Amino acid sequence: MALSFFSVLVYRFVNPPLTPLMVIRLFQQAADDNRVARLEKDWVDLEVVSPWVTKAAIASEDQRFESHNGFDFEAIEQARKYNEKNKGKRKRGGSTISQQLAKNLFLWPARSWVRKGFETWFTFLIESLWPKRRIMEVYLNVIEMGDGVYGIEAAAREYFDTGARTLSKEKAALIVACWPSPLKWSPSKPSKFIRWKKNWILRQMNNLGEPKLLGE
């Protein structure tokens, strides 16, 4: 518990160099003769990221991001009811951005109650020790966005040959639309489903006000 507390506290001020997922993906790539091991990432502070990216992330992943304490119980209940009514279909999750960050930054990509317990603990620590602005900043810099691609800056360069600073509203929505399965979907070659989701995200963005965290 002391080590986890210290790790979360350090990352409030120090930008994390690697995550467990990045290391795991490198080993997977090295073991596959058909893939080239690569790790593309380039840290950018939140103030130089296009505001459309933050707005798209909140609109798509966690619309109560600025008001909850790490857990959106309303979204969890909605996901539970949806999954009960739609058995056999793709399950809907109720994880917040803070929970996703806890998983991406400290844990491994697996579904189990043990990992979920660790995720809950790290989410509590992150929300207790970090301001929302830092949570969003680290989230946008460590999230997997493609095969060997991590963070919004690397994604912007990989898919649109530009920087995170200049991403347009539509391009930001396209990148965010691919987050659930970044190894399957590509923002530069969007499938019919990704184009539909991009339009859904754009509608949600239009319904949201400006995120307060941008003005902190």
Protein backbone atom coordinates (compact mmCIF):
# COMPACT_ATOMS: atom_id res chain seq x y z
CA MET A 1 0.00 0.00 0.00
CA ALA A 2 2.86 2.37 0.82
CA LEU A 3 4.56 1.62 -2.51
CA SER A 4 1.36 2.23 -4.50
CA PHE A 5 0.71 5.48 -2.62
CA PHE A 6 4.27 6.66 -3.32
CA SER A 7 4.06 5.68 -7.01
CA VAL A 8 0.84 7.62 -7.55
CA LEU A 9 2.21 10.62 -5.66
CA VAL A 10 5.40 10.67 -7.75
CA TYR A 11 3.48 10.51 -11.02
CA ARG A 12 1.52 13.58 -10.03
CA PHE A 13 4.72 15.54 -10.68
CA VAL A 14 6.86 13.20 -12.84
CA ASN A 15 5.76 12.13 -16.31
CA PRO A 16 5.68 8.31 -16.45
CA PRO A 17 8.30 6.96 -18.89
CA LEU A 18 6.64 3.55 -19.49
CA THR A 19 3.58 1.57 -18.50
CA PRO A 20 3.15 -2.20 -17.95
CA LEU A 21 1.07 -2.39 -21.15
CA MET A 22 3.85 -0.82 -23.22
CA VAL A 23 6.34 -3.42 -21.96
CA ILE A 24 3.90 -6.28 -22.55
CA ARG A 25 3.22 -5.11 -26.11
CA LEU A 26 6.95 -4.90 -26.84
CA PHE A 27 7.44 -8.52 -25.78
CA GLN A 28 4.42 -9.57 -27.87
CA GLN A 29 5.81 -7.77 -30.91
CA ALA A 30 9.27 -9.28 -30.42
CA ALA A 31 7.77 -12.78 -30.22
CA ASP A 32 5.83 -12.30 -33.47
CA ASP A 33 7.97 -12.75 -36.59
CA ASN A 34 5.40 -10.82 -38.64
CA ARG A 35 5.56 -7.68 -36.53
CA VAL A 36 8.23 -5.07 -35.93
CA ALA A 37 8.80 -4.06 -32.32
CA ARG A 38 8.12 -0.35 -31.98
CA LEU A 39 7.26 2.13 -29.27
CA GLU A 40 6.13 5.53 -30.51
CA LYS A 41 5.33 8.08 -27.83
CA ASP A 42 6.04 11.75 -27.31
CA TRP A 43 4.86 13.53 -24.17
CA VAL A 44 2.91 16.76 -24.59
CA ASP A 45 1.52 18.97 -21.83
CA LEU A 46 -2.23 19.39 -21.79
CA GLU A 47 -2.08 23.11 -22.59
CA VAL A 48 -0.55 22.40 -26.00
CA VAL A 49 -3.09 19.71 -26.93
CA SER A 50 -6.00 20.78 -29.10
CA PRO A 51 -9.00 21.45 -26.82
CA TRP A 52 -11.07 19.33 -29.20
CA VAL A 53 -9.20 16.24 -27.95
CA THR A 54 -10.12 16.80 -24.31
CA LYS A 55 -13.71 17.55 -25.22
CA ALA A 56 -13.96 14.45 -27.44
CA ALA A 57 -12.50 12.26 -24.68
CA ILE A 58 -15.01 13.52 -22.12
CA ALA A 59 -17.92 13.32 -24.57
CA SER A 60 -17.10 9.74 -25.54
CA GLU A 61 -15.64 8.16 -22.43
CA ASP A 62 -16.82 9.98 -19.32
CA GLN A 63 -19.30 12.85 -19.50
CA ARG A 64 -19.32 13.30 -15.72
CA PHE A 65 -15.52 13.30 -15.52
CA GLU A 66 -15.27 16.67 -13.80
CA SER A 67 -17.93 15.97 -11.18
CA HIS A 68 -17.41 12.37 -10.01
CA ASN A 69 -14.79 11.12 -7.55
CA GLY A 70 -13.44 8.41 -9.84
CA PHE A 71 -16.49 6.18 -10.09
CA ASP A 72 -19.64 6.97 -12.06
CA PHE A 73 -22.21 4.76 -10.35
CA GLU A 74 -24.98 5.92 -12.67
CA ALA A 75 -22.98 4.81 -15.72
CA ILE A 76 -22.13 1.50 -14.03
CA GLU A 77 -25.81 0.81 -13.35
CA GLN A 78 -26.77 1.73 -16.91
CA ALA A 79 -24.11 -0.63 -18.26
CA ARG A 80 -25.33 -3.43 -15.99
CA LYS A 81 -28.92 -3.07 -17.20
CA TYR A 82 -27.83 -2.89 -20.85
CA ASN A 83 -25.67 -6.01 -20.56
CA GLU A 84 -28.49 -7.94 -18.89
CA LYS A 85 -30.91 -7.06 -21.69
CA ASN A 86 -28.40 -7.65 -24.48
CA LYS A 87 -26.72 -10.91 -23.57
CA GLY A 88 -24.54 -12.25 -26.35
CA LYS A 89 -23.78 -8.79 -27.69
CA ARG A 90 -20.68 -6.74 -27.02
CA LYS A 91 -20.72 -5.70 -23.36
CA ARG A 92 -20.93 -2.04 -22.44
CA GLY A 93 -18.58 -0.78 -19.76
CA GLY A 94 -19.07 1.91 -17.15
CA SER A 95 -15.43 2.73 -16.43
CA THR A 96 -14.48 6.36 -15.95
CA ILE A 97 -11.40 8.02 -17.41
CA SER A 98 -9.82 7.77 -13.95
CA GLN A 99 -10.41 4.01 -13.86
CA GLN A 100 -9.05 3.59 -17.38
CA LEU A 101 -5.96 5.57 -16.40
CA ALA A 102 -5.42 3.40 -13.31
CA LYS A 103 -5.55 0.30 -15.52
CA ASN A 104 -3.34 1.73 -18.28
CA LEU A 105 -0.71 3.27 -16.00
CA PHE A 106 -0.28 0.68 -13.26
CA LEU A 107 -1.89 -2.63 -14.23
CA TRP A 108 -2.06 -5.34 -16.86
CA PRO A 109 -4.64 -5.91 -19.66
CA ALA A 110 -6.77 -8.74 -18.27
CA ARG A 111 -10.29 -9.20 -16.94
CA SER A 112 -10.43 -10.56 -13.40
CA TRP A 113 -11.79 -9.57 -10.03
CA VAL A 114 -8.23 -9.33 -8.68
CA ARG A 115 -7.24 -6.78 -11.30
CA LYS A 116 -10.52 -4.94 -10.80
CA GLY A 117 -9.73 -4.68 -7.09
CA PHE A 118 -6.32 -3.17 -7.82
CA GLU A 119 -7.94 -0.84 -10.36
CA THR A 120 -10.39 0.41 -7.71
CA TRP A 121 -7.55 1.06 -5.25
CA PHE A 122 -5.39 2.93 -7.76
CA THR A 123 -8.41 4.94 -8.96
CA PHE A 124 -9.07 6.03 -5.38
CA LEU A 125 -5.42 7.09 -4.98
CA ILE A 126 -5.34 8.97 -8.30
CA GLU A 127 -8.51 10.89 -7.53
CA SER A 128 -7.29 11.67 -4.00
CA LEU A 129 -3.81 12.87 -4.99
CA TRP A 130 -4.19 14.35 -8.48
CA PRO A 131 -6.22 17.27 -9.84
CA LYS A 132 -8.54 16.47 -12.75
CA ARG A 133 -6.29 18.34 -15.15
CA ARG A 134 -3.34 16.05 -14.35
CA ILE A 135 -5.55 12.97 -14.73
CA MET A 136 -6.54 14.04 -18.23
CA GLU A 137 -2.98 15.00 -19.15
CA VAL A 138 -1.47 11.64 -18.17
CA TYR A 139 -4.41 9.73 -19.67
CA LEU A 140 -3.94 11.37 -23.08
CA ASN A 141 -0.21 10.62 -23.00
CA VAL A 142 -0.21 6.93 -22.02
CA ILE A 143 -3.33 5.50 -23.65
CA GLU A 144 -2.73 2.92 -26.39
CA MET A 145 -3.69 4.36 -29.79
CA GLY A 146 -2.36 1.77 -32.21
CA ASP A 147 0.22 -0.95 -32.69
CA GLY A 148 3.17 0.51 -30.77
CA VAL A 149 1.55 3.96 -30.70
CA TYR A 150 0.86 5.62 -27.34
CA GLY A 151 -0.43 9.06 -26.52
CA ILE A 152 -2.22 11.74 -28.48
CA GLU A 153 0.92 13.31 -29.98
CA ALA A 154 2.17 10.02 -31.46
CA ALA A 155 -1.35 9.23 -32.71
CA ALA A 156 -1.73 12.63 -34.41
CA ARG A 157 1.58 12.12 -36.23
CA GLU A 158 0.93 8.47 -37.06
CA TYR A 159 -2.55 8.92 -38.56
CA PHE A 160 -2.73 12.54 -39.73
CA ASP A 161 0.89 13.69 -40.06
CA THR A 162 0.31 16.60 -37.69
CA GLY A 163 0.76 17.42 -34.01
CA ALA A 164 -1.74 17.16 -31.15
CA ARG A 165 -1.84 20.96 -31.04
CA THR A 166 -3.47 21.28 -34.48
CA LEU A 167 -5.95 18.39 -34.44
CA SER A 168 -9.32 19.47 -35.77
CA LYS A 169 -12.66 18.63 -34.18
CA GLU A 170 -13.31 15.79 -36.64
CA LYS A 171 -9.83 14.29 -36.38
CA ALA A 172 -9.97 14.39 -32.59
CA ALA A 173 -13.32 12.58 -32.67
CA LEU A 174 -11.94 9.97 -35.08
CA ILE A 175 -8.98 9.18 -32.82
CA VAL A 176 -11.18 8.91 -29.74
CA ALA A 177 -13.68 6.71 -31.61
CA CYS A 178 -10.97 4.04 -32.01
CA TRP A 179 -9.94 3.87 -28.35
CA PRO A 180 -11.90 0.74 -27.35
CA SER A 181 -9.94 -1.37 -29.90
CA PRO A 182 -6.91 0.62 -31.12
CA LEU A 183 -5.24 -2.49 -32.57
CA LYS A 184 -8.33 -3.23 -34.66
CA TRP A 185 -9.46 0.21 -35.85
CA SER A 186 -7.57 3.07 -37.51
CA PRO A 187 -8.54 6.78 -37.49
CA SER A 188 -6.94 7.25 -40.92
CA LYS A 189 -8.93 4.37 -42.44
CA PRO A 190 -12.21 4.49 -40.52
CA SER A 191 -14.71 1.66 -40.92
CA LYS A 192 -18.43 2.31 -41.26
CA PHE A 193 -18.82 1.78 -37.51
CA ILE A 194 -15.99 4.21 -36.67
CA ARG A 195 -17.52 6.87 -38.94
CA TRP A 196 -20.87 6.37 -37.17
CA LYS A 197 -19.19 6.62 -33.75
CA LYS A 198 -17.27 9.73 -34.81
CA ASN A 199 -20.56 11.42 -35.70
CA TRP A 200 -22.05 10.32 -32.37
CA ILE A 201 -19.08 11.80 -30.51
CA LEU A 202 -19.41 15.07 -32.46
CA ARG A 203 -23.08 15.32 -31.44
CA GLN A 204 -22.16 14.71 -27.81
CA MET A 205 -19.44 17.36 -28.03
CA ASN A 206 -21.99 19.86 -29.32
CA ASN A 207 -24.22 19.12 -26.33
CA LEU A 208 -21.43 19.63 -23.78
CA GLY A 209 -20.23 22.92 -22.44
CA GLU A 210 -16.55 23.77 -22.33
CA PRO A 211 -14.72 21.54 -19.82
CA LYS A 212 -13.81 23.59 -16.77
CA LEU A 213 -10.49 21.78 -16.38
CA LEU A 214 -9.16 23.67 -19.39
CA GLY A 215 -9.30 26.84 -17.35
CA GLU A 216 -7.71 25.52 -14.16
